[in-house]
N, C-alpha and C. Protein backbone atom coordinates (compact mmCIF):
# COMPACT_ATOMS: atom_id res chain seq x y z
N MET A 1 0.47 -0.70 -0.22
CA MET A 1 -0.42 -0.12 -0.11
C MET A 1 0.71 1.71 -0.21
N TRP A 2 1.28 2.10 -0.61
CA TRP A 2 1.30 3.84 -1.34
C TRP A 2 0.49 4.56 -0.48
N ALA A 3 0.76 5.18 0.21
CA ALA A 3 0.13 6.30 0.31
C ALA A 3 1.66 8.48 0.36
N GLY A 4 1.41 9.15 -0.54
CA GLY A 4 1.56 9.77 -0.01
C GLY A 4 2.64 9.77 -0.89
N GLY A 5 3.12 8.84 -2.34
CA GLY A 5 4.27 8.02 -3.27
C GLY A 5 5.77 7.43 -1.74
N VAL A 6 5.05 6.89 -1.29
CA VAL A 6 6.22 6.12 -0.27
C VAL A 6 5.52 4.75 0.83
N SER A 7 6.50 4.72 0.26
CA SER A 7 5.45 3.04 0.52
C SER A 7 5.27 3.15 2.79
N ASN A 8 3.91 2.77 3.09
CA ASN A 8 4.16 2.93 4.46
C ASN A 8 4.61 1.81 5.73
N SER A 9 5.11 0.76 4.51
CA SER A 9 6.23 0.03 5.93
C SER A 9 7.79 1.14 5.85
N VAL A 10 7.59 1.40 4.23
CA VAL A 10 8.71 2.68 4.58
C VAL A 10 8.81 3.92 6.19
N ILE A 11 7.39 4.12 6.17
CA ILE A 11 7.30 5.51 7.52
C ILE A 11 6.48 4.29 9.25
N ALA A 12 6.54 2.96 9.25
CA ALA A 12 5.86 2.65 10.29
C ALA A 12 6.18 2.96 11.27
N GLY A 13 5.68 4.15 12.06
CA GLY A 13 6.09 4.27 13.50
C GLY A 13 6.67 5.87 12.94
N TRP A 14 6.31 6.54 11.92
CA TRP A 14 7.45 7.64 11.57
C TRP A 14 6.21 8.80 11.88
N SER A 15 6.04 9.94 12.96
CA SER A 15 5.62 10.98 12.81
C SER A 15 5.83 11.87 12.01
N PRO A 16 4.50 12.70 11.72
CA PRO A 16 4.77 13.17 10.28
C PRO A 16 5.12 14.86 11.32
N PRO A 17 5.52 15.58 11.18
CA PRO A 17 5.94 17.18 11.52
C PRO A 17 4.96 18.00 11.81
N GLU A 18 5.30 19.10 12.10
CA GLU A 18 3.61 20.52 11.88
C GLU A 18 3.89 20.16 10.62
N ALA A 19 2.28 21.16 9.87
CA ALA A 19 2.12 21.36 8.64
C ALA A 19 3.28 22.72 8.76
N GLY A 20 3.41 22.49 7.46
CA GLY A 20 4.86 22.96 7.45
C GLY A 20 5.79 23.26 6.75
N PHE A 21 6.37 22.09 8.27
CA PHE A 21 7.08 22.54 8.26
C PHE A 21 7.79 20.64 7.51
N VAL A 22 8.72 20.83 7.81
CA VAL A 22 9.71 19.44 7.22
C VAL A 22 10.79 18.69 8.61
N LYS A 23 10.00 17.85 8.30
CA LYS A 23 11.06 16.30 9.11
C LYS A 23 12.76 15.91 8.79
N PHE A 24 13.73 16.00 9.34
CA PHE A 24 14.61 15.04 8.94
C PHE A 24 14.50 13.94 11.02
N ASN A 25 14.42 12.41 9.92
CA ASN A 25 14.66 11.50 11.03
C ASN A 25 16.51 11.68 10.79
N VAL A 26 16.89 11.79 11.81
CA VAL A 26 18.98 11.15 11.59
C VAL A 26 19.17 10.74 12.60
N VAL A 27 19.86 9.20 11.77
CA VAL A 27 20.12 8.07 12.35
C VAL A 27 21.73 7.50 12.71
N GLY A 28 22.63 7.11 14.05
CA GLY A 28 23.74 7.35 14.15
C GLY A 28 23.90 5.65 14.40
N VAL A 29 25.35 5.21 13.78
CA VAL A 29 25.04 4.22 13.92
C VAL A 29 26.83 4.07 14.44
N VAL A 30 27.07 3.48 16.59
CA VAL A 30 28.42 3.75 15.86
C VAL A 30 28.89 1.65 16.26
N LYS A 31 29.70 1.91 15.66
CA LYS A 31 30.39 -0.25 16.33
C LYS A 31 31.94 0.15 15.97
N ASP A 32 32.74 -0.82 16.98
CA ASP A 32 34.45 0.00 17.78
C ASP A 32 34.63 0.75 17.08
N ASN A 33 35.65 2.09 15.90
CA ASN A 33 36.13 2.76 16.13
C ASN A 33 35.04 3.98 14.61
N LYS A 34 34.27 2.64 14.79
CA LYS A 34 33.27 3.12 12.65
C LYS A 34 32.34 3.36 13.26
N ALA A 35 31.25 4.44 13.10
CA ALA A 35 30.23 4.94 12.41
C ALA A 35 29.83 5.59 11.21
N GLY A 36 27.99 5.63 11.59
CA GLY A 36 27.51 5.45 9.83
C GLY A 36 26.85 6.53 10.62
N CYS A 37 26.18 6.99 9.39
CA CYS A 37 25.19 8.05 10.29
C CYS A 37 23.77 8.07 8.32
N GLY A 38 22.74 8.20 9.23
CA GLY A 38 21.74 8.29 7.37
C GLY A 38 20.68 9.18 7.91
N GLY A 39 19.77 9.46 7.15
CA GLY A 39 18.70 10.66 7.25
C GLY A 39 17.93 10.35 6.76
N ALA A 40 16.25 10.84 6.66
CA ALA A 40 15.16 10.74 5.58
C ALA A 40 14.83 12.22 5.75
N LEU A 41 14.40 13.12 4.72
CA LEU A 41 14.32 14.28 5.67
C LEU A 41 12.23 14.52 4.41
N ARG A 42 11.79 14.76 5.33
CA ARG A 42 9.80 14.10 4.73
C ARG A 42 9.56 15.80 5.21
N THR A 43 8.44 15.37 4.02
CA THR A 43 6.91 16.64 4.75
C THR A 43 6.86 15.88 5.58
N GLU A 44 4.90 17.42 5.50
CA GLU A 44 3.97 16.42 6.38
C GLU A 44 3.70 14.64 6.17
N LYS A 45 3.24 15.52 4.87
CA LYS A 45 2.63 14.10 3.43
C LYS A 45 3.52 12.71 4.33
N GLY A 46 4.87 13.26 4.28
CA GLY A 46 5.88 11.95 4.13
C GLY A 46 6.90 11.81 3.80
N GLN A 47 6.44 12.48 2.37
CA GLN A 47 7.18 12.46 0.88
C GLN A 47 8.55 12.76 1.50
N ILE A 48 9.11 11.73 0.50
CA ILE A 48 10.97 11.63 0.56
C ILE A 48 11.57 13.21 0.19
N ARG A 49 11.79 14.17 0.27
CA ARG A 49 13.21 14.84 -0.63
C ARG A 49 14.39 14.96 -0.28
N ALA A 50 14.67 14.40 0.39
CA ALA A 50 16.45 13.71 1.19
C ALA A 50 16.74 12.83 1.36
N LEU A 51 18.39 12.19 0.94
CA LEU A 51 18.58 10.85 2.16
C LEU A 51 19.46 11.11 1.48
N PHE A 52 20.84 10.50 3.27
CA PHE A 52 22.18 10.94 2.84
C PHE A 52 22.55 9.20 3.99
N MET A 53 23.35 9.06 3.92
CA MET A 53 24.59 7.68 4.69
C MET A 53 25.65 8.04 4.08
N ASP A 54 26.66 8.54 5.72
CA ASP A 54 28.12 8.82 5.45
C ASP A 54 27.87 7.93 6.15
N PRO A 55 29.63 6.96 5.93
CA PRO A 55 30.58 6.36 6.73
C PRO A 55 31.11 7.79 7.86
N VAL A 56 31.94 7.37 8.99
CA VAL A 56 32.54 8.54 9.79
C VAL A 56 32.96 8.07 10.89
N ASP A 57 34.29 8.34 11.08
CA ASP A 57 35.75 7.85 12.32
C ASP A 57 34.72 8.69 13.35
N SER A 58 34.58 7.88 14.22
CA SER A 58 34.03 7.55 15.92
C SER A 58 34.89 8.10 16.67
N PHE A 59 34.77 8.97 17.00
CA PHE A 59 35.57 9.33 19.13
C PHE A 59 34.33 9.45 20.16
N GLY A 60 33.67 8.50 19.69
CA GLY A 60 32.27 8.31 21.23
C GLY A 60 31.53 9.02 20.15
N ASP A 61 30.33 8.39 20.87
CA ASP A 61 28.90 8.53 21.17
C ASP A 61 28.58 10.30 20.47
N ASP A 62 28.97 10.17 21.11
CA ASP A 62 28.10 12.06 20.99
C ASP A 62 29.42 13.37 20.22
N PHE A 63 30.20 12.94 19.55
CA PHE A 63 31.58 13.09 18.73
C PHE A 63 31.04 13.22 17.50
N ALA A 64 30.47 12.15 16.97
CA ALA A 64 30.01 10.43 15.67
C ALA A 64 28.39 11.69 16.36
N GLY A 65 27.43 11.95 17.16
CA GLY A 65 26.27 12.89 17.06
C GLY A 65 25.81 14.15 16.77
N LEU A 66 27.87 14.43 16.86
CA LEU A 66 27.56 16.16 16.79
C LEU A 66 27.86 15.79 14.84
N ILE A 67 28.41 15.05 14.40
CA ILE A 67 29.00 14.81 12.81
C ILE A 67 28.41 14.88 12.82
N PHE A 68 26.86 13.52 12.31
CA PHE A 68 25.53 13.56 12.15
C PHE A 68 24.95 14.72 12.14
N VAL A 69 25.27 15.94 12.65
CA VAL A 69 23.53 16.95 12.90
C VAL A 69 24.40 17.73 11.33
N LYS A 70 25.59 17.92 11.70
CA LYS A 70 26.31 18.62 10.55
C LYS A 70 25.81 18.48 9.37
N LEU A 71 26.81 17.03 9.88
CA LEU A 71 25.72 16.54 7.88
C LEU A 71 24.41 17.11 7.73
N ALA A 72 23.65 15.92 8.74
CA ALA A 72 22.03 16.55 7.81
C ALA A 72 21.49 17.89 7.79
N LEU A 73 22.58 18.97 8.12
CA LEU A 73 22.25 20.55 8.26
C LEU A 73 22.68 20.87 5.97
N LYS A 74 24.40 20.01 6.93
CA LYS A 74 24.39 20.02 4.80
C LYS A 74 23.50 19.58 3.51
N VAL A 75 23.38 18.95 3.52
CA VAL A 75 22.27 17.80 3.51
C VAL A 75 21.07 18.68 2.59
N PHE A 76 20.24 19.51 4.39
CA PHE A 76 19.44 20.69 4.14
C PHE A 76 19.48 21.58 2.63
N VAL A 77 21.20 22.17 3.16
CA VAL A 77 21.85 23.43 2.60
C VAL A 77 21.77 23.20 0.92
N GLU A 78 21.83 22.32 1.23
CA GLU A 78 22.42 21.54 -0.30
C GLU A 78 20.80 20.87 -1.18
N ALA A 79 20.46 20.85 -0.58
CA ALA A 79 19.12 19.78 -0.90
C ALA A 79 18.05 21.51 -1.26
N ASN A 80 18.58 22.71 -1.36
CA ASN A 80 17.45 23.82 -1.86
C ASN A 80 16.63 23.92 -0.82
N TRP A 81 16.73 23.62 1.02
CA TRP A 81 15.30 23.57 1.12
C TRP A 81 15.26 25.13 1.84
N VAL A 82 16.89 25.72 2.18
CA VAL A 82 16.62 27.14 3.09
C VAL A 82 15.40 27.43 2.07
N GLY A 83 15.05 28.22 3.32
CA GLY A 83 13.58 29.55 2.77
C GLY A 83 12.59 28.62 2.94
N LYS A 84 12.28 27.79 2.23
CA LYS A 84 11.16 26.59 1.74
C LYS A 84 9.97 26.10 2.55
N ALA A 85 10.44 25.50 4.10
CA ALA A 85 10.11 25.57 4.65
C ALA A 85 10.66 25.29 6.76
N PRO A 86 10.82 25.09 7.50
CA PRO A 86 11.40 25.18 9.41
C PRO A 86 11.55 24.05 8.99
N LEU A 87 12.65 24.04 9.73
CA LEU A 87 13.18 22.39 9.54
C LEU A 87 12.85 22.18 11.52
N ILE A 88 12.46 21.15 11.27
CA ILE A 88 12.52 19.48 12.87
C ILE A 88 12.91 18.88 12.42
N MET A 89 14.71 18.01 13.51
CA MET A 89 15.26 17.46 13.42
C MET A 89 15.25 16.38 14.46
N GLU A 90 15.04 15.26 14.05
CA GLU A 90 14.35 14.88 15.19
C GLU A 90 15.90 13.89 15.09
N LEU A 91 16.36 13.71 16.74
CA LEU A 91 17.58 12.94 17.71
C LEU A 91 17.34 12.50 18.25
N ASP A 92 18.52 11.23 18.32
CA ASP A 92 18.26 9.64 19.91
C ASP A 92 19.54 10.97 21.22
N SER A 93 20.05 12.52 20.83
CA SER A 93 20.81 12.29 22.19
C SER A 93 20.15 13.67 22.24
N LYS A 94 20.15 13.56 24.13
CA LYS A 94 19.59 14.84 24.37
C LYS A 94 20.70 15.73 24.54
N ARG A 95 22.51 14.71 25.40
CA ARG A 95 24.08 15.63 25.39
C ARG A 95 23.69 16.16 24.19
N VAL A 96 23.25 15.81 23.27
CA VAL A 96 24.03 16.22 21.76
C VAL A 96 22.92 17.76 21.21
N ILE A 97 21.77 17.53 21.84
CA ILE A 97 20.76 19.18 21.37
C ILE A 97 21.14 19.54 22.23
N TYR A 98 21.82 19.19 24.07
CA TYR A 98 21.94 19.99 25.01
C TYR A 98 23.22 20.69 24.66
N TRP A 99 24.64 20.33 23.87
CA TRP A 99 25.41 21.04 23.74
C TRP A 99 24.31 22.14 21.96
N ILE A 100 24.01 22.21 21.84
CA ILE A 100 23.84 22.12 20.51
C ILE A 100 23.11 23.70 20.57
N GLN A 101 22.32 23.76 21.92
CA GLN A 101 21.10 24.88 22.26
C GLN A 101 22.06 25.82 23.65
N ASN A 102 23.02 24.99 23.78
CA ASN A 102 23.54 26.07 25.56
C ASN A 102 24.82 26.43 24.57
N ALA A 103 25.44 26.94 24.12
CA ALA A 103 26.40 27.45 24.14
C ALA A 103 28.04 27.31 25.32
N VAL A 104 26.96 27.51 26.66
CA VAL A 104 28.44 27.49 27.54
C VAL A 104 28.66 26.52 28.05
N HIS A 105 27.68 25.55 28.27
CA HIS A 105 28.02 24.07 28.66
C HIS A 105 29.04 23.31 27.36
N ARG A 106 29.31 23.51 26.25
CA ARG A 106 29.92 22.45 24.88
C ARG A 106 30.74 21.85 25.50
N PRO A 107 31.67 20.91 25.39
CA PRO A 107 32.85 21.28 25.62
C PRO A 107 34.17 21.91 24.63
N TRP A 108 35.40 21.68 24.78
CA TRP A 108 35.33 22.97 24.95
C TRP A 108 36.83 22.48 23.23
N ASN A 109 36.64 20.64 23.53
CA ASN A 109 37.77 19.74 22.49
C ASN A 109 36.58 19.25 21.18
N TRP A 110 35.79 19.50 21.04
CA TRP A 110 34.35 19.47 19.79
C TRP A 110 33.48 21.08 19.67
N TRP A 111 34.81 22.28 20.39
CA TRP A 111 33.82 23.76 19.84
C TRP A 111 33.86 23.64 18.46
N SER A 112 34.91 23.13 17.42
CA SER A 112 35.19 23.99 15.67
C SER A 112 33.65 23.18 14.99
N ILE A 113 33.53 22.20 15.07
CA ILE A 113 32.36 21.16 14.91
C ILE A 113 31.05 21.74 15.13
N LEU A 114 30.88 22.53 17.00
CA LEU A 114 29.21 22.76 16.90
C LEU A 114 29.64 24.70 16.79
N VAL A 115 30.78 24.70 16.06
CA VAL A 115 30.59 26.79 15.46
C VAL A 115 30.06 26.00 14.15
N ILE A 116 30.19 25.00 12.89
CA ILE A 116 30.04 25.83 12.24
C ILE A 116 28.77 24.43 11.86
N ILE A 117 28.02 24.21 12.75
CA ILE A 117 26.12 23.44 12.70
C ILE A 117 25.61 24.84 13.23
N ASN A 118 26.39 25.98 14.07
CA ASN A 118 26.07 27.56 14.14
C ASN A 118 25.53 28.57 13.42
N LYS A 119 26.95 27.39 12.61
CA LYS A 119 27.47 28.60 10.73
C LYS A 119 25.33 28.47 10.40
N LEU A 120 25.55 26.57 10.49
CA LEU A 120 24.57 26.36 9.06
C LEU A 120 23.15 26.11 10.05
N VAL A 121 22.76 26.51 11.11
CA VAL A 121 21.34 26.62 11.90
C VAL A 121 21.13 27.62 11.24
N LYS A 122 21.82 29.05 11.42
CA LYS A 122 21.90 30.21 11.21
C LYS A 122 21.01 30.78 9.95
N LYS A 123 21.99 29.60 9.14
CA LYS A 123 21.87 29.80 7.57
C LYS A 123 21.16 29.66 6.87
N ILE A 124 20.00 28.18 7.97
CA ILE A 124 18.71 27.55 7.57
C ILE A 124 17.58 29.12 7.86
N GLY A 125 17.99 29.11 9.10
CA GLY A 125 16.66 30.11 10.04
C GLY A 125 16.20 29.99 11.49
N GLN A 126 14.97 29.02 10.92
CA GLN A 126 14.01 28.47 11.81
C GLN A 126 14.75 26.49 11.85
N VAL A 127 14.98 26.77 12.94
CA VAL A 127 15.24 24.01 12.95
C VAL A 127 15.16 24.50 15.03
N HIS A 128 14.23 23.29 14.83
CA HIS A 128 14.07 22.21 15.57
C HIS A 128 14.92 21.77 16.35
N PHE A 129 15.46 21.68 16.94
CA PHE A 129 15.59 19.85 17.58
C PHE A 129 15.04 19.66 18.29
N VAL A 130 14.93 18.37 18.20
CA VAL A 130 13.27 17.51 19.17
C VAL A 130 14.09 15.98 19.60
N TYR A 131 14.76 15.45 20.68
CA TYR A 131 14.59 13.81 21.43
C TYR A 131 13.57 12.94 20.46
N ALA A 132 14.01 12.05 20.38
CA ALA A 132 12.90 10.94 20.20
C ALA A 132 13.85 9.58 20.73
N SER A 133 13.33 9.42 21.58
CA SER A 133 14.84 8.36 21.92
C SER A 133 14.48 7.20 21.90
N ASN A 134 13.72 6.35 20.85
CA ASN A 134 13.28 4.97 19.53
C ASN A 134 13.40 5.84 18.24
N VAL A 135 13.73 4.99 18.26
CA VAL A 135 14.34 5.05 16.33
C VAL A 135 13.05 4.92 16.10
N LYS A 136 12.60 6.54 14.93
CA LYS A 136 11.44 6.51 14.18
C LYS A 136 11.08 5.95 13.05
N SER A 137 12.40 6.45 12.66
CA SER A 137 12.33 6.31 11.13
C SER A 137 12.92 4.99 10.37
N ALA A 138 12.56 4.07 10.08
CA ALA A 138 12.98 2.60 10.10
C ALA A 138 13.80 2.52 8.24
N LEU A 139 14.21 4.17 7.91
CA LEU A 139 14.52 4.17 6.31
C LEU A 139 15.39 4.83 6.92
N ALA A 140 15.55 5.88 7.77
CA ALA A 140 17.50 6.22 8.53
C ALA A 140 17.50 5.52 9.19
N LEU A 141 16.63 4.63 9.87
CA LEU A 141 18.32 3.42 10.27
C LEU A 141 19.00 2.97 9.14
N GLY A 142 18.08 2.80 9.00
CA GLY A 142 18.85 1.51 7.18
C GLY A 142 19.92 2.03 6.96
N LEU A 143 18.98 3.47 6.68
CA LEU A 143 20.99 3.98 6.00
C LEU A 143 22.09 4.01 6.89
N ALA A 144 21.74 4.38 8.75
CA ALA A 144 22.98 4.56 8.90
C ALA A 144 23.53 2.92 9.56
N ARG A 145 23.18 2.31 9.01
CA ARG A 145 23.06 1.14 9.83
C ARG A 145 24.69 0.67 8.49
N ASP A 146 23.32 1.31 6.54
CA ASP A 146 25.49 0.54 6.48
C ASP A 146 26.88 1.78 6.22
N GLY A 147 26.01 2.90 7.14
CA GLY A 147 26.95 3.62 7.12
C GLY A 147 28.68 3.23 7.29
N PRO A 148 29.27 3.11 8.44
CA PRO A 148 30.63 2.32 8.40
C PRO A 148 30.84 1.06 7.29
N VAL A 149 29.85 -0.17 6.96
CA VAL A 149 30.49 -0.83 5.71
C VAL A 149 30.48 0.01 4.74
N ARG A 150 30.30 0.91 4.44
CA ARG A 150 30.24 1.96 2.93
C ARG A 150 32.15 2.57 2.74
N ALA A 151 32.49 3.14 2.33
CA ALA A 151 33.62 3.37 0.70
C ALA A 151 33.57 5.22 1.05
N ASN A 152 31.60 5.28 0.52
CA ASN A 152 32.25 6.63 -0.08
C ASN A 152 30.27 7.11 0.95
N SER A 153 30.18 8.10 0.99
CA SER A 153 29.22 8.77 1.57
C SER A 153 28.36 8.98 -0.14
N PHE A 154 26.49 8.81 0.50
CA PHE A 154 25.32 9.09 -0.71
C PHE A 154 24.48 9.94 0.00
N LYS A 155 24.45 11.09 -1.52
CA LYS A 155 23.54 11.29 -1.31
C LYS A 155 22.61 11.05 -2.52
N ALA A 156 21.29 11.74 -2.12
CA ALA A 156 19.95 12.45 -2.64
C ALA A 156 18.39 12.36 -2.43
N ARG A 157 17.96 14.05 -3.44
CA ARG A 157 17.41 14.93 -2.90
C ARG A 157 16.25 15.28 -3.92
N TRP A 158 14.82 15.30 -3.77
CA TRP A 158 14.57 15.45 -5.09
C TRP A 158 13.66 16.16 -4.85
């Protein structure tokens, strides 16, 4: 069965953003010293507008989470969504969200990546970071699981 051009099995457990917003579900998988992340940008109707997966060197879950956020924000900008709709980014790390939202509590050794995230957020304009305790997007999780075994990044937009 198809709904809005997307298979229901792909969006099982996924919840749409508020009307007028788009939502990026971002998921990371850390295994040994390798990490992979994946993300799916969807409209309120569940239509996929961008996908990405990327292998990343990991220096721990938190640093990997920051890299995942940076990558998703870059994909949003590259997909030409700036100015078209406000962004909701759903993450599974309260700590990463806290650091993004509270500059005085950021770890100094990861300051440079947080500065890049700040610049991207300012460029986009309206970004809401939301905590999701479990994976809400089977598609994003599938992309993330492939990340550590891939040699190259994958990005698609439409």
